[in-house]
PDB file of N, CA and C in Angstrom:
ATOM      1  N   MET A   1       3.556 -28.189 -10.523  1.00  0.00           N
ATOM      2  CA  MET A   1       3.373 -27.284  -9.506  1.00  0.00           C
ATOM      3  C   MET A   1       2.460 -26.360  -9.942  1.00  0.00           C
ATOM      4  N   PRO A   2       1.772 -25.998  -8.478  1.00  0.00           N
ATOM      5  CA  PRO A   2       0.573 -25.319  -8.609  1.00  0.00           C
ATOM      6  C   PRO A   2       0.951 -23.949  -9.045  1.00  0.00           C
ATOM      7  N   LYS A   3      -0.178 -22.967  -9.003  1.00  0.00           N
ATOM      8  CA  LYS A   3      -0.033 -21.708  -9.414  1.00  0.00           C
ATOM      9  C   LYS A   3      -0.265 -21.072  -8.319  1.00  0.00           C
ATOM     10  N   MET A   4       0.820 -19.763  -7.882  1.00  0.00           N
ATOM     11  CA  MET A   4       1.268 -19.283  -6.790  1.00  0.00           C
ATOM     12  C   MET A   4       0.016 -18.205  -6.633  1.00  0.00           C
ATOM     13  N   LYS A   5      -0.388 -18.068  -5.406  1.00  0.00           N
ATOM     14  CA  LYS A   5      -1.789 -17.553  -5.190  1.00  0.00           C
ATOM     15  C   LYS A   5      -1.335 -16.198  -4.794  1.00  0.00           C
ATOM     16  N   THR A   6      -2.020 -14.966  -5.136  1.00  0.00           N
ATOM     17  CA  THR A   6      -2.076 -13.478  -4.553  1.00  0.00           C
ATOM     18  C   THR A   6      -2.402 -13.149  -2.904  1.00  0.00           C
ATOM     19  N   HIS A   7      -1.563 -12.705  -2.696  1.00  0.00           N
ATOM     20  CA  HIS A   7      -1.866 -11.831  -0.836  1.00  0.00           C
ATOM     21  C   HIS A   7      -3.027 -11.704  -0.918  1.00  0.00           C
ATOM     22  N   SER A   8      -4.013 -12.023  -0.527  1.00  0.00           N
ATOM     23  CA  SER A   8      -5.520 -11.387  -0.640  1.00  0.00           C
ATOM     24  C   SER A   8      -5.376  -9.899   0.446  1.00  0.00           C
ATOM     25  N   ARG A   9      -4.579  -9.401   1.593  1.00  0.00           N
ATOM     26  CA  ARG A   9      -4.212  -8.282   1.573  1.00  0.00           C
ATOM     27  C   ARG A   9      -3.873  -7.483   0.753  1.00  0.00           C
ATOM     28  N   SER A  10      -2.646  -7.855   0.492  1.00  0.00           N
ATOM     29  CA  SER A  10      -1.990  -7.119  -0.494  1.00  0.00           C
ATOM     30  C   SER A  10      -2.885  -6.348  -1.826  1.00  0.00           C
ATOM     31  N   LYS A  11      -3.322  -7.279  -2.096  1.00  0.00           N
ATOM     32  CA  LYS A  11      -4.237  -6.937  -3.363  1.00  0.00           C
ATOM     33  C   LYS A  11      -5.009  -5.959  -3.489  1.00  0.00           C
ATOM     34  N   LYS A  12      -5.578  -5.647  -1.674  1.00  0.00           N
ATOM     35  CA  LYS A  12      -6.689  -4.638  -1.599  1.00  0.00           C
ATOM     36  C   LYS A  12      -5.753  -3.230  -1.047  1.00  0.00           C
ATOM     37  N   THR A  13      -4.533  -3.587  -0.784  1.00  0.00           N
ATOM     38  CA  THR A  13      -3.873  -2.037  -0.164  1.00  0.00           C
ATOM     39  C   THR A  13      -2.657  -1.816  -1.198  1.00  0.00           C
ATOM     40  N   PHE A  14      -2.350  -2.335  -2.356  1.00  0.00           N
ATOM     41  CA  PHE A  14      -1.070  -1.906  -2.957  1.00  0.00           C
ATOM     42  C   PHE A  14      -1.894  -1.972  -4.383  1.00  0.00           C
ATOM     43  N   SER A  15      -1.361  -0.837  -5.584  1.00  0.00           N
ATOM     44  CA  SER A  15      -1.610  -0.858  -6.707  1.00  0.00           C
ATOM     45  C   SER A  15      -0.640  -0.523  -7.096  1.00  0.00           C
ATOM     46  N   LEU A  16      -0.709  -0.940  -8.444  1.00  0.00           N
ATOM     47  CA  LEU A  16       0.721  -0.493  -9.584  1.00  0.00           C
ATOM     48  C   LEU A  16       0.468   0.408 -10.304  1.00  0.00           C
ATOM     49  N   THR A  17       1.551   1.516 -10.243  1.00  0.00           N
ATOM     50  CA  THR A  17       1.632   2.418 -11.219  1.00  0.00           C
ATOM     51  C   THR A  17       2.224   2.294 -12.970  1.00  0.00           C
ATOM     52  N   GLY A  18       1.571   3.154 -13.319  1.00  0.00           N
ATOM     53  CA  GLY A  18       2.265   2.938 -14.985  1.00  0.00           C
ATOM     54  C   GLY A  18       3.827   2.573 -15.064  1.00  0.00           C
ATOM     55  N   THR A  19       4.499   3.529 -14.089  1.00  0.00           N
ATOM     56  CA  THR A  19       5.934   3.281 -14.583  1.00  0.00           C
ATOM     57  C   THR A  19       6.164   2.096 -13.990  1.00  0.00           C
ATOM     58  N   GLY A  20       5.204   1.498 -12.916  1.00  0.00           N
ATOM     59  CA  GLY A  20       6.212   0.527 -12.532  1.00  0.00           C
ATOM     60  C   GLY A  20       5.853   0.592 -10.765  1.00  0.00           C
ATOM     61  N   LYS A  21       6.101   1.504 -10.544  1.00  0.00           N
ATOM     62  CA  LYS A  21       5.800   1.893  -9.022  1.00  0.00           C
ATOM     63  C   LYS A  21       5.071   1.398  -8.225  1.00  0.00           C
ATOM     64  N   VAL A  22       4.881   0.888  -6.844  1.00  0.00           N
ATOM     65  CA  VAL A  22       3.939   0.200  -6.198  1.00  0.00           C
ATOM     66  C   VAL A  22       3.624   1.624  -4.757  1.00  0.00           C
ATOM     67  N   ARG A  23       1.912   1.895  -5.348  1.00  0.00           N
ATOM     68  CA  ARG A  23       1.053   2.600  -4.714  1.00  0.00           C
ATOM     69  C   ARG A  23       0.737   2.079  -3.446  1.00  0.00           C
ATOM     70  N   ARG A  24       0.457   2.692  -2.199  1.00  0.00           N
ATOM     71  CA  ARG A  24       0.218   2.393  -1.046  1.00  0.00           C
ATOM     72  C   ARG A  24      -0.919   3.418  -0.409  1.00  0.00           C
ATOM     73  N   TYR A  25      -1.792   2.907   0.579  1.00  0.00           N
ATOM     74  CA  TYR A  25      -2.576   3.687   1.508  1.00  0.00           C
ATOM     75  C   TYR A  25      -1.731   3.955   2.860  1.00  0.00           C
ATOM     76  N   LYS A  26      -1.815   5.291   3.173  1.00  0.00           N
ATOM     77  CA  LYS A  26      -1.035   5.114   4.543  1.00  0.00           C
ATOM     78  C   LYS A  26      -1.774   4.760   5.827  1.00  0.00           C
ATOM     79  N   ALA A  27      -1.280   4.562   6.754  1.00  0.00           N
ATOM     80  CA  ALA A  27      -1.850   3.965   8.040  1.00  0.00           C
ATOM     81  C   ALA A  27      -2.230   5.180   8.985  1.00  0.00           C
ATOM     82  N   PHE A  28      -3.028   4.649  10.142  1.00  0.00           N
ATOM     83  CA  PHE A  28      -3.401   5.660  11.197  1.00  0.00           C
ATOM     84  C   PHE A  28      -4.680   6.503  10.732  1.00  0.00           C
ATOM     85  N   LYS A  29      -5.366   5.826   9.818  1.00  0.00           N
ATOM     86  CA  LYS A  29      -6.731   6.778   9.443  1.00  0.00           C
ATOM     87  C   LYS A  29      -7.599   6.123   9.514  1.00  0.00           C
ATOM     88  N   SER A  30      -7.638   5.216  10.718  1.00  0.00           N
ATOM     89  CA  SER A  30      -9.218   4.498  10.752  1.00  0.00           C
ATOM     90  C   SER A  30     -10.035   4.677  11.713  1.00  0.00           C
ATOM     91  N   HIS A  31      -9.106   4.854  13.383  1.00  0.00           N
ATOM     92  CA  HIS A  31      -9.624   5.126  13.990  1.00  0.00           C
ATOM     93  C   HIS A  31      -9.181   6.062  15.165  1.00  0.00           C
ATOM     94  N   LEU A  32      -9.700   6.964  16.156  1.00  0.00           N
ATOM     95  CA  LEU A  32      -9.144   7.514  17.137  1.00  0.00           C
ATOM     96  C   LEU A  32      -8.612   8.551  16.443  1.00  0.00           C
ATOM     97  N   LEU A  33      -9.597   9.202  15.908  1.00  0.00           N
ATOM     98  CA  LEU A  33      -9.263  10.471  14.528  1.00  0.00           C
ATOM     99  C   LEU A  33      -9.177  12.087  15.072  1.00  0.00           C
ATOM    100  N   THR A  34     -10.087  12.036  16.723  1.00  0.00           N
ATOM    101  CA  THR A  34     -10.096  13.152  16.906  1.00  0.00           C
ATOM    102  C   THR A  34      -8.983  13.766  17.735  1.00  0.00           C
ATOM    103  N   LYS A  35      -8.219  13.263  17.972  1.00  0.00           N
ATOM    104  CA  LYS A  35      -7.176  13.523  18.693  1.00  0.00           C
ATOM    105  C   LYS A  35      -5.948  14.085  17.479  1.00  0.00           C
ATOM    106  N   LYS A  36      -6.154  14.022  16.325  1.00  0.00           N
ATOM    107  CA  LYS A  36      -5.331  14.110  15.056  1.00  0.00           C
ATOM    108  C   LYS A  36      -5.793  15.300  14.615  1.00  0.00           C
ATOM    109  N   SER A  37      -4.764  16.132  14.182  1.00  0.00           N
ATOM    110  CA  SER A  37      -5.190  17.524  13.753  1.00  0.00           C
ATOM    111  C   SER A  37      -5.896  16.963  12.097  1.00  0.00           C
ATOM    112  N   LYS A  38      -6.532  18.461  11.594  1.00  0.00           N
ATOM    113  CA  LYS A  38      -7.176  18.454  10.277  1.00  0.00           C
ATOM    114  C   LYS A  38      -5.906  18.352   9.469  1.00  0.00           C
ATOM    115  N   LYS A  39      -4.686  18.802   9.485  1.00  0.00           N
ATOM    116  CA  LYS A  39      -3.791  19.026   8.636  1.00  0.00           C
ATOM    117  C   LYS A  39      -3.373  17.393   8.360  1.00  0.00           C
ATOM    118  N   ARG A  40      -3.382  16.613   9.619  1.00  0.00           N
ATOM    119  CA  ARG A  40      -2.629  15.167   9.799  1.00  0.00           C
ATOM    120  C   ARG A  40      -3.148  14.257   8.889  1.00  0.00           C
ATOM    121  N   LYS A  41      -4.768  14.549   9.466  1.00  0.00           N
ATOM    122  CA  LYS A  41      -5.675  13.493   8.607  1.00  0.00           C
ATOM    123  C   LYS A  41      -6.105  13.976   7.173  1.00  0.00           C
ATOM    124  N   ARG A  42      -5.967  14.914   6.698  1.00  0.00           N
ATOM    125  CA  ARG A  42      -5.747  15.633   5.190  1.00  0.00           C
ATOM    126  C   ARG A  42      -4.569  14.960   4.310  1.00  0.00           C
ATOM    127  N   HIS A  43      -3.520  14.929   5.226  1.00  0.00           N
ATOM    128  CA  HIS A  43      -2.239  14.272   4.727  1.00  0.00           C
ATOM    129  C   HIS A  43      -2.026  12.844   4.244  1.00  0.00           C
ATOM    130  N   LEU A  44      -2.709  12.315   5.412  1.00  0.00           N
ATOM    131  CA  LEU A  44      -3.202  10.488   5.237  1.00  0.00           C
ATOM    132  C   LEU A  44      -3.917  10.068   4.170  1.00  0.00           C
ATOM    133  N   GLY A  45      -4.965  11.203   4.144  1.00  0.00           N
ATOM    134  CA  GLY A  45      -5.855  10.633   2.962  1.00  0.00           C
ATOM    135  C   GLY A  45      -5.264  10.485   1.795  1.00  0.00           C
ATOM    136  N   HIS A  46      -4.309  10.870   1.382  1.00  0.00           N
ATOM    137  CA  HIS A  46      -3.516  11.008   0.313  1.00  0.00           C
ATOM    138  C   HIS A  46      -2.700   9.527  -0.180  1.00  0.00           C
ATOM    139  N   THR A  47      -2.425   9.502  -1.019  1.00  0.00           N
ATOM    140  CA  THR A  47      -1.517   7.833  -0.919  1.00  0.00           C
ATOM    141  C   THR A  47      -0.091   8.335  -1.290  1.00  0.00           C
ATOM    142  N   GLY A  48       0.980   6.957  -1.043  1.00  0.00           N
ATOM    143  CA  GLY A  48       1.974   7.197  -1.124  1.00  0.00           C
ATOM    144  C   GLY A  48       3.148   6.305  -2.071  1.00  0.00           C
ATOM    145  N   TYR A  49       4.209   5.985  -1.581  1.00  0.00           N
ATOM    146  CA  TYR A  49       4.601   4.921  -2.861  1.00  0.00           C
ATOM    147  C   TYR A  49       5.598   4.204  -1.838  1.00  0.00           C
ATOM    148  N   VAL A  50       5.134   2.847  -2.063  1.00  0.00           N
ATOM    149  CA  VAL A  50       6.126   1.833  -1.165  1.00  0.00           C
ATOM    150  C   VAL A  50       7.804   2.173  -1.434  1.00  0.00           C
ATOM    151  N   ASP A  51       8.546   1.952  -0.461  1.00  0.00           N
ATOM    152  CA  ASP A  51      10.044   2.125  -0.478  1.00  0.00           C
ATOM    153  C   ASP A  51      10.771   1.406  -1.262  1.00  0.00           C
ATOM    154  N   VAL A  52      11.316   1.951  -2.579  1.00  0.00           N
ATOM    155  CA  VAL A  52      12.052   1.027  -3.050  1.00  0.00           C
ATOM    156  C   VAL A  52      12.960  -0.500  -2.449  1.00  0.00           C
ATOM    157  N   SER A  53      13.504  -0.262  -1.048  1.00  0.00           N
ATOM    158  CA  SER A  53      13.976  -1.174  -0.445  1.00  0.00           C
ATOM    159  C   SER A  53      12.815  -2.466  -0.274  1.00  0.00           C
ATOM    160  N   ASN A  54      11.680  -1.909  -0.169  1.00  0.00           N
ATOM    161  CA  ASN A  54      10.328  -2.863   0.167  1.00  0.00           C
ATOM    162  C   ASN A  54       9.540  -3.133  -0.968  1.00  0.00           C
ATOM    163  N   GLU A  55      10.028  -2.672  -2.205  1.00  0.00           N
ATOM    164  CA  GLU A  55       9.061  -3.280  -3.397  1.00  0.00           C
ATOM    165  C   GLU A  55       9.390  -4.591  -4.092  1.00  0.00           C
ATOM    166  N   LYS A  56      10.475  -4.991  -3.890  1.00  0.00           N
ATOM    167  CA  LYS A  56      10.601  -6.599  -4.111  1.00  0.00           C
ATOM    168  C   LYS A  56       9.530  -7.008  -3.609  1.00  0.00           C
ATOM    169  N   MET A  57       9.595  -7.173  -2.384  1.00  0.00           N
ATOM    170  CA  MET A  57       8.549  -8.148  -0.999  1.00  0.00           C
ATOM    171  C   MET A  57       7.377  -7.734  -1.825  1.00  0.00           C
ATOM    172  N   VAL A  58       6.810  -6.535  -2.198  1.00  0.00           N
ATOM    173  CA  VAL A  58       5.188  -6.234  -2.201  1.00  0.00           C
ATOM    174  C   VAL A  58       4.959  -6.919  -3.423  1.00  0.00           C
ATOM    175  N   LYS A  59       6.004  -6.847  -4.357  1.00  0.00           N
ATOM    176  CA  LYS A  59       5.683  -7.514  -6.007  1.00  0.00           C
ATOM    177  C   LYS A  59       5.368  -8.945  -5.682  1.00  0.00           C
ATOM    178  N   ARG A  60       6.609  -9.453  -4.725  1.00  0.00           N
ATOM    179  CA  ARG A  60       6.259 -11.065  -4.643  1.00  0.00           C
ATOM    180  C   ARG A  60       4.644 -11.305  -4.094  1.00  0.00           C
ATOM    181  N   LEU A  61       4.313 -10.589  -3.085  1.00  0.00           N
ATOM    182  CA  LEU A  61       3.148 -10.839  -2.666  1.00  0.00           C
ATOM    183  C   LEU A  61       1.852 -10.626  -4.037  1.00  0.00           C
ATOM    184  N   LEU A  62       2.272  -9.574  -4.943  1.00  0.00           N
ATOM    185  CA  LEU A  62       1.139  -9.531  -5.876  1.00  0.00           C
ATOM    186  C   LEU A  62       1.495 -10.492  -6.385  1.00  0.00           C
ATOM    187  N   CYS A  63       2.233 -11.568  -6.483  1.00  0.00           N
ATOM    188  CA  CYS A  63       2.839 -12.344  -7.620  1.00  0.00           C
ATOM    189  C   CYS A  63       2.945 -11.882  -8.981  1.00  0.00           C
ATOM    190  N   LEU A  64       3.666 -10.655  -8.864  1.00  0.00           N
ATOM    191  CA  LEU A  64       4.497  -9.787  -9.960  1.00  0.00           C
ATOM    192  C   LEU A  64       6.058 -10.119 -10.044  1.00  0.00           C
ATOM    193  N   ARG A  65       6.602 -10.519 -11.054  1.00  0.00           N
ATOM    194  CA  ARG A  65       7.895 -10.996 -10.808  1.00  0.00           C
ATOM    195  C   ARG A  65       8.920  -9.724 -11.468  1.00  0.00           C
TER     196      ARG A  65
END
C-alpha cells in the first residue's frame, strides 16, 4: 500500500501545539481591509484553535493519527 500524502494546503494552514491541539490562522484578513475596524483586523491577526469536533478531520489531513 502506498504512503498517505499530506494535504498541501493543510500543512501551510495548521500547526500542532505541544499539548496536541491544532492551531489555525483566522480567515478574512487578506483583502477588503479598509472597511474593517482596527480592532477587528488586530484580533484576526492572532491565531485560534480548531474546534474539538473538527480536530479529527484536520489531523487526518495532516496524516497524524
